[in-house]
Amino acid sequence: MLQDDLRNTMAPFKQTTLPAHYRGDQTFGRPSGYRPEYGDMLIDATNNEGISLTAFAGLIGVSRDTVYRWIREHSDFSDAVSRARPARVLFLERKLLRARKGAETSAAVFALKNADPEEWRDVRSVEQSYGGIWVMTV
């Protein structure tokens, strides 16, 4: 009963027709802001600077969630991301090879562990002997 009263006071009439300015192909909500050139911009930025997707989002002034939504919604952008990720790893590996020592090397290794964890993870193995049988776990 209370809900009906609130509905009546908040919306004195029910809208049964569409607004006069509505077009059949029109979508509602905030525009995504996606532009096709973002794919090329991303590839250039990862090749030249080795930036992450989050940094790219900051570069173009959108949120990280927006960039990930574009990956799902725009196949050309998804393809660009697929090409940009290995380009970022290449940039970081070259940076590691040029690094002298110390903090710069550590930072490059840290970035690579995050950018490509399958290739750059820490591998730990333990060897144990059980009744004369050696077992190695990774």
N, C-alpha and C. Protein backbone atom coordinates (compact mmCIF):
# COMPACT_ATOMS: atom_id res chain seq x y z
N MET A 1 0.81 -1.18 0.00
CA MET A 1 0.00 0.00 0.00
C MET A 1 0.87 1.26 0.00
N LEU A 2 1.89 1.27 0.85
CA LEU A 2 2.79 2.41 0.93
C LEU A 2 3.54 2.61 -0.38
N GLN A 3 3.94 1.50 -1.00
CA GLN A 3 4.67 1.60 -2.27
C GLN A 3 3.79 2.23 -3.34
N ASP A 4 2.51 1.88 -3.38
CA ASP A 4 1.61 2.45 -4.37
C ASP A 4 1.46 3.95 -4.14
N ASP A 5 1.38 4.36 -2.88
CA ASP A 5 1.27 5.79 -2.56
C ASP A 5 2.51 6.54 -3.01
N LEU A 6 3.69 5.94 -2.74
CA LEU A 6 4.94 6.59 -3.16
C LEU A 6 5.03 6.69 -4.67
N ARG A 7 4.64 5.64 -5.36
CA ARG A 7 4.69 5.64 -6.81
C ARG A 7 3.77 6.73 -7.38
N ASN A 8 2.63 6.88 -6.79
CA ASN A 8 1.69 7.88 -7.28
C ASN A 8 2.17 9.29 -7.02
N THR A 9 2.85 9.52 -5.91
CA THR A 9 3.33 10.87 -5.62
C THR A 9 4.58 11.20 -6.41
N MET A 10 5.41 10.19 -6.71
CA MET A 10 6.64 10.44 -7.43
C MET A 10 6.40 10.54 -8.94
N ALA A 11 5.49 9.77 -9.48
CA ALA A 11 5.19 9.81 -10.90
C ALA A 11 3.68 9.95 -11.05
N PRO A 12 3.19 11.16 -11.20
CA PRO A 12 1.75 11.37 -11.24
C PRO A 12 1.07 10.75 -12.45
N PHE A 13 1.83 10.40 -13.47
CA PHE A 13 1.24 9.75 -14.62
C PHE A 13 2.21 8.70 -15.15
N LYS A 14 1.66 7.70 -15.77
CA LYS A 14 2.47 6.64 -16.34
C LYS A 14 2.77 6.98 -17.80
N GLN A 15 4.03 6.89 -18.17
CA GLN A 15 4.42 7.21 -19.53
C GLN A 15 4.13 5.99 -20.42
N THR A 16 3.23 6.17 -21.35
CA THR A 16 2.84 5.06 -22.22
C THR A 16 3.34 5.24 -23.64
N THR A 17 3.83 6.41 -23.98
CA THR A 17 4.34 6.65 -25.32
C THR A 17 5.81 7.02 -25.23
N LEU A 18 6.51 6.83 -26.33
CA LEU A 18 7.92 7.18 -26.38
C LEU A 18 8.08 8.67 -26.63
N PRO A 19 9.17 9.25 -26.19
CA PRO A 19 9.40 10.67 -26.44
C PRO A 19 9.43 10.96 -27.95
N ALA A 20 9.06 12.16 -28.34
CA ALA A 20 8.98 12.53 -29.76
C ALA A 20 10.35 12.46 -30.43
N HIS A 21 11.43 12.68 -29.70
CA HIS A 21 12.77 12.71 -30.30
C HIS A 21 13.41 11.32 -30.36
N TYR A 22 12.71 10.27 -29.96
CA TYR A 22 13.26 8.92 -29.96
C TYR A 22 13.33 8.37 -31.38
N ARG A 23 14.49 7.77 -31.72
CA ARG A 23 14.66 7.07 -32.99
C ARG A 23 14.70 5.57 -32.69
N GLY A 24 14.28 4.76 -33.60
CA GLY A 24 14.21 3.32 -33.39
C GLY A 24 15.54 2.67 -33.09
N ASP A 25 16.64 3.19 -33.62
CA ASP A 25 17.95 2.61 -33.40
C ASP A 25 18.69 3.23 -32.22
N GLN A 26 18.05 4.12 -31.52
CA GLN A 26 18.69 4.87 -30.44
C GLN A 26 18.83 4.00 -29.19
N THR A 27 19.98 4.10 -28.58
CA THR A 27 20.18 3.42 -27.30
C THR A 27 20.23 4.48 -26.21
N PHE A 28 19.87 4.08 -25.02
CA PHE A 28 19.86 5.02 -23.91
C PHE A 28 21.08 4.80 -23.03
N GLY A 29 21.39 5.76 -22.23
CA GLY A 29 22.52 5.65 -21.32
C GLY A 29 23.69 6.48 -21.81
N ARG A 30 24.73 6.41 -21.06
CA ARG A 30 25.92 7.18 -21.35
C ARG A 30 26.67 6.57 -22.53
N PRO A 31 27.13 7.38 -23.49
CA PRO A 31 27.90 6.83 -24.61
C PRO A 31 29.22 6.25 -24.11
N SER A 32 29.70 5.21 -24.79
CA SER A 32 30.90 4.52 -24.30
C SER A 32 32.17 5.33 -24.48
N GLY A 33 32.19 6.21 -25.46
CA GLY A 33 33.39 7.01 -25.70
C GLY A 33 34.45 6.27 -26.49
N TYR A 34 34.15 5.07 -26.94
CA TYR A 34 35.13 4.29 -27.69
C TYR A 34 35.34 4.90 -29.07
N ARG A 35 36.61 4.95 -29.47
CA ARG A 35 36.96 5.40 -30.82
C ARG A 35 37.85 4.34 -31.45
N PRO A 36 37.65 4.01 -32.71
CA PRO A 36 38.43 2.95 -33.36
C PRO A 36 39.95 3.17 -33.31
N GLU A 37 40.39 4.40 -33.26
CA GLU A 37 41.85 4.65 -33.23
C GLU A 37 42.50 4.26 -31.90
N TYR A 38 41.71 3.96 -30.87
CA TYR A 38 42.28 3.55 -29.58
C TYR A 38 43.11 2.27 -29.69
N GLY A 39 42.74 1.37 -30.58
CA GLY A 39 43.51 0.15 -30.76
C GLY A 39 44.93 0.44 -31.21
N ASP A 40 45.06 1.29 -32.23
CA ASP A 40 46.40 1.66 -32.72
C ASP A 40 47.17 2.45 -31.67
N MET A 41 46.46 3.32 -30.94
CA MET A 41 47.12 4.08 -29.88
C MET A 41 47.68 3.15 -28.81
N LEU A 42 46.92 2.12 -28.46
CA LEU A 42 47.37 1.17 -27.44
C LEU A 42 48.62 0.43 -27.90
N ILE A 43 48.60 -0.05 -29.13
CA ILE A 43 49.77 -0.77 -29.65
C ILE A 43 50.99 0.14 -29.69
N ASP A 44 50.83 1.37 -30.14
CA ASP A 44 51.95 2.32 -30.15
C ASP A 44 52.48 2.58 -28.75
N ALA A 45 51.56 2.76 -27.80
CA ALA A 45 51.97 3.07 -26.42
C ALA A 45 52.71 1.90 -25.78
N THR A 46 52.28 0.67 -26.05
CA THR A 46 52.97 -0.48 -25.45
C THR A 46 54.31 -0.72 -26.14
N ASN A 47 54.39 -0.48 -27.45
CA ASN A 47 55.66 -0.64 -28.16
C ASN A 47 56.69 0.39 -27.72
N ASN A 48 56.25 1.62 -27.52
CA ASN A 48 57.18 2.72 -27.23
C ASN A 48 57.44 2.94 -25.74
N GLU A 49 56.46 2.62 -24.90
CA GLU A 49 56.59 2.92 -23.48
C GLU A 49 56.37 1.73 -22.56
N GLY A 50 55.80 0.64 -23.08
CA GLY A 50 55.56 -0.54 -22.27
C GLY A 50 54.48 -0.36 -21.22
N ILE A 51 53.48 0.49 -21.49
CA ILE A 51 52.47 0.77 -20.47
C ILE A 51 51.45 -0.35 -20.38
N SER A 52 50.80 -0.44 -19.24
CA SER A 52 49.76 -1.44 -18.98
C SER A 52 48.42 -0.93 -19.49
N LEU A 53 47.41 -1.79 -19.46
CA LEU A 53 46.07 -1.36 -19.85
C LEU A 53 45.53 -0.30 -18.90
N THR A 54 45.85 -0.43 -17.63
CA THR A 54 45.41 0.58 -16.65
C THR A 54 46.05 1.93 -16.95
N ALA A 55 47.34 1.91 -17.29
CA ALA A 55 48.02 3.17 -17.63
C ALA A 55 47.44 3.75 -18.92
N PHE A 56 47.10 2.89 -19.87
CA PHE A 56 46.48 3.37 -21.10
C PHE A 56 45.14 4.02 -20.80
N ALA A 57 44.38 3.43 -19.90
CA ALA A 57 43.09 4.02 -19.50
C ALA A 57 43.32 5.43 -18.95
N GLY A 58 44.33 5.58 -18.12
CA GLY A 58 44.65 6.91 -17.58
C GLY A 58 45.10 7.86 -18.67
N LEU A 59 45.84 7.35 -19.66
CA LEU A 59 46.33 8.17 -20.76
C LEU A 59 45.20 8.77 -21.58
N ILE A 60 44.14 7.98 -21.81
CA ILE A 60 43.02 8.49 -22.62
C ILE A 60 41.88 9.04 -21.76
N GLY A 61 42.02 8.98 -20.43
CA GLY A 61 41.06 9.62 -19.54
C GLY A 61 39.79 8.83 -19.28
N VAL A 62 39.90 7.48 -19.25
CA VAL A 62 38.76 6.66 -18.90
C VAL A 62 39.16 5.72 -17.77
N SER A 63 38.19 5.01 -17.23
CA SER A 63 38.50 4.08 -16.14
C SER A 63 38.99 2.75 -16.70
N ARG A 64 39.64 2.00 -15.86
CA ARG A 64 40.13 0.67 -16.23
C ARG A 64 38.96 -0.24 -16.61
N ASP A 65 37.85 -0.13 -15.88
CA ASP A 65 36.66 -0.93 -16.18
C ASP A 65 36.14 -0.64 -17.59
N THR A 66 36.22 0.62 -18.00
CA THR A 66 35.78 0.99 -19.34
C THR A 66 36.62 0.30 -20.40
N VAL A 67 37.94 0.27 -20.20
CA VAL A 67 38.83 -0.40 -21.15
C VAL A 67 38.50 -1.88 -21.24
N TYR A 68 38.27 -2.53 -20.10
CA TYR A 68 37.93 -3.95 -20.11
C TYR A 68 36.55 -4.20 -20.75
N ARG A 69 35.63 -3.25 -20.61
CA ARG A 69 34.34 -3.38 -21.27
C ARG A 69 34.51 -3.27 -22.79
N TRP A 70 35.39 -2.36 -23.23
CA TRP A 70 35.66 -2.23 -24.66
C TRP A 70 36.26 -3.51 -25.23
N ILE A 71 37.09 -4.20 -24.44
CA ILE A 71 37.66 -5.47 -24.89
C ILE A 71 36.54 -6.46 -25.19
N ARG A 72 35.52 -6.49 -24.33
CA ARG A 72 34.39 -7.41 -24.53
C ARG A 72 33.49 -6.98 -25.68
N GLU A 73 33.32 -5.67 -25.88
CA GLU A 73 32.32 -5.18 -26.82
C GLU A 73 32.85 -4.89 -28.22
N HIS A 74 34.15 -4.65 -28.38
CA HIS A 74 34.71 -4.25 -29.67
C HIS A 74 35.81 -5.22 -30.07
N SER A 75 35.53 -6.03 -31.09
CA SER A 75 36.49 -7.06 -31.49
C SER A 75 37.80 -6.47 -32.01
N ASP A 76 37.75 -5.32 -32.65
CA ASP A 76 39.00 -4.71 -33.13
C ASP A 76 39.87 -4.27 -31.96
N PHE A 77 39.26 -3.77 -30.90
CA PHE A 77 40.04 -3.37 -29.72
C PHE A 77 40.57 -4.61 -29.00
N SER A 78 39.77 -5.65 -28.93
CA SER A 78 40.22 -6.90 -28.31
C SER A 78 41.42 -7.46 -29.06
N ASP A 79 41.40 -7.39 -30.38
CA ASP A 79 42.54 -7.84 -31.19
C ASP A 79 43.77 -6.98 -30.91
N ALA A 80 43.58 -5.68 -30.79
CA ALA A 80 44.70 -4.79 -30.49
C ALA A 80 45.31 -5.11 -29.13
N VAL A 81 44.47 -5.42 -28.15
CA VAL A 81 44.97 -5.79 -26.82
C VAL A 81 45.77 -7.09 -26.90
N SER A 82 45.28 -8.03 -27.70
CA SER A 82 45.99 -9.30 -27.87
C SER A 82 47.37 -9.10 -28.49
N ARG A 83 47.51 -8.11 -29.34
CA ARG A 83 48.82 -7.81 -29.93
C ARG A 83 49.66 -6.92 -29.02
N ALA A 84 49.01 -6.10 -28.20
CA ALA A 84 49.75 -5.16 -27.35
C ALA A 84 50.39 -5.86 -26.14
N ARG A 85 49.76 -6.89 -25.60
CA ARG A 85 50.32 -7.57 -24.42
C ARG A 85 51.70 -8.16 -24.69
N PRO A 86 51.89 -8.92 -25.79
CA PRO A 86 53.24 -9.41 -26.06
C PRO A 86 54.23 -8.28 -26.37
N ALA A 87 53.73 -7.21 -26.98
CA ALA A 87 54.60 -6.06 -27.26
C ALA A 87 55.09 -5.44 -25.96
N ARG A 88 54.25 -5.42 -24.95
CA ARG A 88 54.65 -4.89 -23.64
C ARG A 88 55.72 -5.77 -23.01
N VAL A 89 55.55 -7.08 -23.11
CA VAL A 89 56.55 -8.00 -22.57
C VAL A 89 57.88 -7.80 -23.29
N LEU A 90 57.85 -7.65 -24.61
CA LEU A 90 59.07 -7.39 -25.37
C LEU A 90 59.75 -6.11 -24.90
N PHE A 91 58.98 -5.05 -24.71
CA PHE A 91 59.54 -3.79 -24.23
C PHE A 91 60.21 -3.98 -22.87
N LEU A 92 59.53 -4.69 -21.96
CA LEU A 92 60.08 -4.90 -20.62
C LEU A 92 61.30 -5.80 -20.63
N GLU A 93 61.31 -6.82 -21.49
CA GLU A 93 62.49 -7.68 -21.59
C GLU A 93 63.69 -6.90 -22.12
N ARG A 94 63.47 -6.07 -23.12
CA ARG A 94 64.56 -5.23 -23.64
C ARG A 94 65.06 -4.27 -22.57
N LYS A 95 64.14 -3.75 -21.78
CA LYS A 95 64.52 -2.85 -20.69
C LYS A 95 65.38 -3.60 -19.68
N LEU A 96 65.02 -4.84 -19.38
CA LEU A 96 65.80 -5.65 -18.45
C LEU A 96 67.20 -5.91 -19.00
N LEU A 97 67.30 -6.20 -20.29
CA LEU A 97 68.62 -6.45 -20.89
C LEU A 97 69.50 -5.21 -20.89
N ARG A 98 68.92 -4.03 -20.97
CA ARG A 98 69.68 -2.78 -20.94
C ARG A 98 69.99 -2.31 -19.52
N ALA A 99 69.30 -2.87 -18.55
CA ALA A 99 69.47 -2.42 -17.16
C ALA A 99 70.88 -2.71 -16.67
N ARG A 100 71.44 -1.80 -15.91
CA ARG A 100 72.79 -1.96 -15.39
C ARG A 100 72.81 -2.92 -14.20
N LYS A 101 72.11 -2.53 -13.14
CA LYS A 101 72.06 -3.37 -11.94
C LYS A 101 71.13 -2.72 -10.94
N GLY A 102 70.92 -3.41 -9.85
CA GLY A 102 70.19 -2.84 -8.72
C GLY A 102 68.72 -2.65 -8.95
N ALA A 103 68.25 -1.47 -8.57
CA ALA A 103 66.81 -1.19 -8.55
C ALA A 103 66.18 -1.27 -9.94
N GLU A 104 66.89 -0.83 -10.95
CA GLU A 104 66.32 -0.86 -12.31
C GLU A 104 66.08 -2.30 -12.76
N THR A 105 67.01 -3.17 -12.45
CA THR A 105 66.86 -4.59 -12.79
C THR A 105 65.71 -5.21 -12.01
N SER A 106 65.66 -4.91 -10.73
CA SER A 106 64.59 -5.46 -9.89
C SER A 106 63.22 -4.98 -10.36
N ALA A 107 63.13 -3.72 -10.73
CA ALA A 107 61.86 -3.17 -11.20
C ALA A 107 61.43 -3.84 -12.51
N ALA A 108 62.39 -4.08 -13.40
CA ALA A 108 62.07 -4.72 -14.67
C ALA A 108 61.60 -6.16 -14.45
N VAL A 109 62.26 -6.89 -13.57
CA VAL A 109 61.86 -8.27 -13.28
C VAL A 109 60.47 -8.28 -12.64
N PHE A 110 60.21 -7.38 -11.72
CA PHE A 110 58.90 -7.28 -11.08
C PHE A 110 57.82 -7.01 -12.11
N ALA A 111 58.08 -6.08 -13.03
CA ALA A 111 57.10 -5.75 -14.07
C ALA A 111 56.86 -6.95 -14.98
N LEU A 112 57.90 -7.69 -15.31
CA LEU A 112 57.74 -8.87 -16.16
C LEU A 112 56.96 -9.98 -15.46
N LYS A 113 57.18 -10.15 -14.15
CA LYS A 113 56.42 -11.16 -13.41
C LYS A 113 54.93 -10.84 -13.43
N ASN A 114 54.58 -9.57 -13.45
CA ASN A 114 53.18 -9.18 -13.50
C ASN A 114 52.63 -9.19 -14.93
N ALA A 115 53.46 -8.82 -15.90
CA ALA A 115 53.00 -8.76 -17.28
C ALA A 115 52.86 -10.14 -17.91
N ASP A 116 53.73 -11.07 -17.54
CA ASP A 116 53.70 -12.41 -18.12
C ASP A 116 54.06 -13.43 -17.04
N PRO A 117 53.12 -13.70 -16.13
CA PRO A 117 53.44 -14.56 -14.99
C PRO A 117 53.77 -15.99 -15.35
N GLU A 118 53.27 -16.49 -16.49
CA GLU A 118 53.59 -17.88 -16.84
C GLU A 118 55.06 -18.05 -17.18
N GLU A 119 55.64 -17.10 -17.88
CA GLU A 119 57.05 -17.21 -18.25
C GLU A 119 57.99 -16.69 -17.17
N TRP A 120 57.53 -15.77 -16.35
CA TRP A 120 58.42 -15.10 -15.41
C TRP A 120 58.11 -15.42 -13.95
N ARG A 121 57.42 -16.50 -13.68
CA ARG A 121 57.12 -16.84 -12.29
C ARG A 121 58.35 -17.44 -11.61
N ASP A 122 58.37 -17.37 -10.30
CA ASP A 122 59.42 -18.03 -9.53
C ASP A 122 59.11 -19.51 -9.48
N VAL A 123 60.04 -20.33 -9.90
CA VAL A 123 59.85 -21.78 -9.87
C VAL A 123 60.55 -22.32 -8.63
N ARG A 124 59.81 -23.07 -7.86
CA ARG A 124 60.37 -23.65 -6.65
C ARG A 124 60.22 -25.17 -6.75
N SER A 125 61.28 -25.86 -6.46
CA SER A 125 61.19 -27.31 -6.48
C SER A 125 61.77 -27.87 -5.19
N VAL A 126 61.21 -28.98 -4.77
CA VAL A 126 61.64 -29.63 -3.53
C VAL A 126 61.94 -31.09 -3.87
N GLU A 127 63.10 -31.55 -3.47
CA GLU A 127 63.46 -32.94 -3.68
C GLU A 127 63.43 -33.66 -2.34
N GLN A 128 62.79 -34.81 -2.33
CA GLN A 128 62.71 -35.59 -1.10
C GLN A 128 62.92 -37.06 -1.43
N SER A 129 63.40 -37.78 -0.46
CA SER A 129 63.62 -39.20 -0.65
C SER A 129 62.65 -39.98 0.25
N TYR A 130 61.92 -40.91 -0.35
CA TYR A 130 61.00 -41.78 0.38
C TYR A 130 61.45 -43.21 0.17
N GLY A 131 62.10 -43.79 1.14
CA GLY A 131 62.53 -45.19 1.04
C GLY A 131 63.40 -45.47 -0.18
N GLY A 132 64.33 -44.60 -0.46
CA GLY A 132 65.23 -44.79 -1.59
C GLY A 132 64.70 -44.26 -2.90
N ILE A 133 63.46 -43.72 -2.94
CA ILE A 133 62.88 -43.16 -4.17
C ILE A 133 62.91 -41.64 -4.05
N TRP A 134 63.53 -41.02 -5.02
CA TRP A 134 63.60 -39.56 -5.03
C TRP A 134 62.37 -38.98 -5.72
N VAL A 135 61.76 -38.02 -5.07
CA VAL A 135 60.57 -37.36 -5.60
C VAL A 135 60.87 -35.85 -5.70
N MET A 136 60.58 -35.30 -6.87
CA MET A 136 60.79 -33.87 -7.06
C MET A 136 59.43 -33.23 -7.32
N THR A 137 59.08 -32.22 -6.54
CA THR A 137 57.81 -31.49 -6.73
C THR A 137 58.14 -30.07 -7.18
N VAL A 138 57.32 -29.59 -8.06
CA VAL A 138 57.52 -28.23 -8.58
C VAL A 138 56.39 -27.35 -8.15
